[in-house]
């Protein structure tokens, strides 16, 4: 197994990715596709985890 550890994206980076996903759909005047909805759900969950971790570090 690999010992590589990926750095967790910051809440700001995840928020940017969420905004980009919605902006692309908006530019095409459409809702999110099924795949985009899955991506959105993963991004939102990761964002929530990152915010929690950020708050724990600040405490």
N, C-alpha and C. Protein backbone atom coordinates (compact mmCIF):
# COMPACT_ATOMS: atom_id res chain seq x y z
N UNK A 1 0.82 -1.19 0.00
CA UNK A 1 0.00 0.00 0.00
C UNK A 1 0.86 1.25 0.00
N UNK A 2 0.36 2.29 -0.55
CA UNK A 2 1.09 3.54 -0.65
C UNK A 2 0.97 4.36 0.63
N UNK A 3 2.05 5.04 0.98
CA UNK A 3 2.03 5.92 2.15
C UNK A 3 1.71 7.36 1.78
N UNK A 4 1.32 7.58 0.53
CA UNK A 4 1.00 8.94 0.11
C UNK A 4 -0.25 9.43 0.84
N UNK A 5 -0.16 10.63 1.36
CA UNK A 5 -1.30 11.23 2.06
C UNK A 5 -1.68 12.50 1.32
N UNK A 6 -2.88 12.51 0.81
CA UNK A 6 -3.34 13.69 0.09
C UNK A 6 -3.77 14.76 1.09
N UNK A 7 -3.42 15.98 0.80
CA UNK A 7 -3.84 17.09 1.64
C UNK A 7 -5.33 17.34 1.40
N UNK A 8 -6.05 17.55 2.47
CA UNK A 8 -7.48 17.82 2.37
C UNK A 8 -7.67 19.24 1.84
N UNK A 9 -8.52 19.41 0.84
CA UNK A 9 -8.77 20.76 0.32
C UNK A 9 -9.38 21.65 1.40
N UNK A 10 -9.09 22.92 1.32
CA UNK A 10 -9.64 23.88 2.28
C UNK A 10 -11.13 24.07 2.00
N UNK A 11 -11.86 24.55 3.01
CA UNK A 11 -13.28 24.85 2.77
C UNK A 11 -13.47 25.84 1.62
N UNK A 12 -12.55 26.79 1.50
CA UNK A 12 -12.64 27.78 0.43
C UNK A 12 -12.49 27.13 -0.95
N UNK A 13 -11.54 26.20 -1.06
CA UNK A 13 -11.33 25.52 -2.34
C UNK A 13 -12.53 24.66 -2.70
N UNK A 14 -13.10 23.99 -1.71
CA UNK A 14 -14.28 23.17 -1.95
C UNK A 14 -15.47 24.04 -2.33
N UNK A 15 -15.62 25.18 -1.66
CA UNK A 15 -16.70 26.11 -1.99
C UNK A 15 -16.55 26.62 -3.42
N UNK A 16 -15.32 26.91 -3.83
CA UNK A 16 -15.07 27.34 -5.22
C UNK A 16 -15.50 26.25 -6.21
N UNK A 17 -15.19 25.00 -5.88
CA UNK A 17 -15.56 23.89 -6.76
C UNK A 17 -17.09 23.76 -6.86
N UNK A 18 -17.77 23.95 -5.72
CA UNK A 18 -19.24 23.90 -5.72
C UNK A 18 -19.80 25.03 -6.57
N UNK A 19 -19.26 26.23 -6.40
CA UNK A 19 -19.74 27.38 -7.19
C UNK A 19 -19.50 27.17 -8.68
N UNK A 20 -18.36 26.60 -9.02
CA UNK A 20 -18.03 26.34 -10.42
C UNK A 20 -19.00 25.34 -11.03
N UNK A 21 -19.32 24.30 -10.28
CA UNK A 21 -20.27 23.29 -10.75
C UNK A 21 -21.62 23.93 -11.07
N UNK A 22 -22.12 24.75 -10.17
CA UNK A 22 -23.41 25.42 -10.39
C UNK A 22 -23.31 26.45 -11.51
N UNK A 23 -22.19 27.16 -11.59
CA UNK A 23 -22.03 28.19 -12.64
C UNK A 23 -22.08 27.56 -14.03
N UNK A 24 -21.42 26.40 -14.18
CA UNK A 24 -21.44 25.72 -15.48
C UNK A 24 -22.86 25.34 -15.88
N UNK A 25 -23.61 24.82 -14.93
CA UNK A 25 -25.00 24.43 -15.22
C UNK A 25 -25.82 25.68 -15.54
N UNK A 26 -25.60 26.75 -14.79
CA UNK A 26 -26.34 27.98 -15.01
C UNK A 26 -26.05 28.61 -16.36
N UNK A 27 -24.79 28.54 -16.78
CA UNK A 27 -24.42 29.08 -18.10
C UNK A 27 -25.16 28.36 -19.21
N UNK A 28 -25.49 27.10 -18.97
CA UNK A 28 -26.19 26.30 -19.97
C UNK A 28 -27.69 26.25 -19.69
N UNK A 29 -28.14 27.07 -18.73
CA UNK A 29 -29.56 27.15 -18.35
C UNK A 29 -30.18 25.77 -18.11
N UNK A 30 -29.50 25.00 -17.27
CA UNK A 30 -29.99 23.66 -16.98
C UNK A 30 -29.74 23.33 -15.51
N UNK A 31 -30.39 22.28 -15.06
CA UNK A 31 -30.15 21.75 -13.72
C UNK A 31 -28.88 20.91 -13.75
N UNK A 32 -28.42 20.51 -12.58
CA UNK A 32 -27.27 19.61 -12.53
C UNK A 32 -27.66 18.25 -13.11
N UNK A 33 -26.72 17.65 -13.83
CA UNK A 33 -26.94 16.29 -14.33
C UNK A 33 -26.85 15.33 -13.15
N UNK A 34 -27.19 14.08 -13.37
CA UNK A 34 -27.09 13.07 -12.32
C UNK A 34 -25.66 12.96 -11.79
N UNK A 35 -24.70 12.94 -12.69
CA UNK A 35 -23.29 12.87 -12.27
C UNK A 35 -22.90 14.12 -11.49
N UNK A 36 -23.34 15.28 -11.95
CA UNK A 36 -23.02 16.52 -11.25
C UNK A 36 -23.67 16.56 -9.86
N UNK A 37 -24.86 16.00 -9.75
CA UNK A 37 -25.52 15.93 -8.44
C UNK A 37 -24.71 15.08 -7.48
N UNK A 38 -24.16 13.98 -7.97
CA UNK A 38 -23.30 13.12 -7.13
C UNK A 38 -22.04 13.87 -6.71
N UNK A 39 -21.44 14.56 -7.65
CA UNK A 39 -20.24 15.35 -7.36
C UNK A 39 -20.56 16.42 -6.33
N UNK A 40 -21.69 17.09 -6.52
CA UNK A 40 -22.13 18.14 -5.60
C UNK A 40 -22.27 17.58 -4.19
N UNK A 41 -22.90 16.42 -4.06
CA UNK A 41 -23.10 15.82 -2.74
C UNK A 41 -21.77 15.50 -2.06
N UNK A 42 -20.81 14.99 -2.84
CA UNK A 42 -19.49 14.68 -2.29
C UNK A 42 -18.78 15.97 -1.87
N UNK A 43 -18.87 17.00 -2.72
CA UNK A 43 -18.22 18.28 -2.40
C UNK A 43 -18.81 18.91 -1.15
N UNK A 44 -20.12 18.88 -1.02
CA UNK A 44 -20.77 19.47 0.15
C UNK A 44 -20.38 18.71 1.42
N UNK A 45 -20.34 17.39 1.35
CA UNK A 45 -19.94 16.58 2.51
C UNK A 45 -18.48 16.89 2.88
N UNK A 46 -17.61 17.00 1.88
CA UNK A 46 -16.21 17.31 2.14
C UNK A 46 -16.07 18.71 2.71
N UNK A 47 -16.87 19.66 2.19
CA UNK A 47 -16.84 21.03 2.70
C UNK A 47 -17.23 21.05 4.18
N UNK A 48 -18.30 20.33 4.53
CA UNK A 48 -18.77 20.29 5.92
C UNK A 48 -17.68 19.70 6.83
N UNK A 49 -17.02 18.64 6.37
CA UNK A 49 -15.93 18.05 7.16
C UNK A 49 -14.79 19.02 7.33
N UNK A 50 -14.44 19.72 6.26
CA UNK A 50 -13.33 20.68 6.30
C UNK A 50 -13.67 21.84 7.25
N UNK A 51 -14.92 22.30 7.23
CA UNK A 51 -15.33 23.38 8.13
C UNK A 51 -15.26 22.91 9.58
N UNK A 52 -15.70 21.67 9.85
CA UNK A 52 -15.63 21.12 11.20
C UNK A 52 -14.18 21.04 11.67
N UNK A 53 -13.30 20.54 10.81
CA UNK A 53 -11.89 20.41 11.16
C UNK A 53 -11.28 21.78 11.41
N UNK A 54 -11.66 22.76 10.59
CA UNK A 54 -11.15 24.13 10.74
C UNK A 54 -11.58 24.70 12.09
N UNK A 55 -12.82 24.46 12.48
CA UNK A 55 -13.33 24.97 13.75
C UNK A 55 -12.66 24.27 14.93
N UNK A 56 -12.37 22.98 14.77
CA UNK A 56 -11.69 22.25 15.84
C UNK A 56 -10.27 22.78 16.05
N UNK A 57 -9.60 23.13 14.94
CA UNK A 57 -8.26 23.69 15.05
C UNK A 57 -8.27 25.06 15.70
N UNK A 58 -9.33 25.80 15.47
CA UNK A 58 -9.44 27.15 16.03
C UNK A 58 -9.77 27.13 17.52
N UNK A 59 -10.32 26.01 17.97
CA UNK A 59 -10.75 25.93 19.39
C UNK A 59 -9.59 25.67 20.32
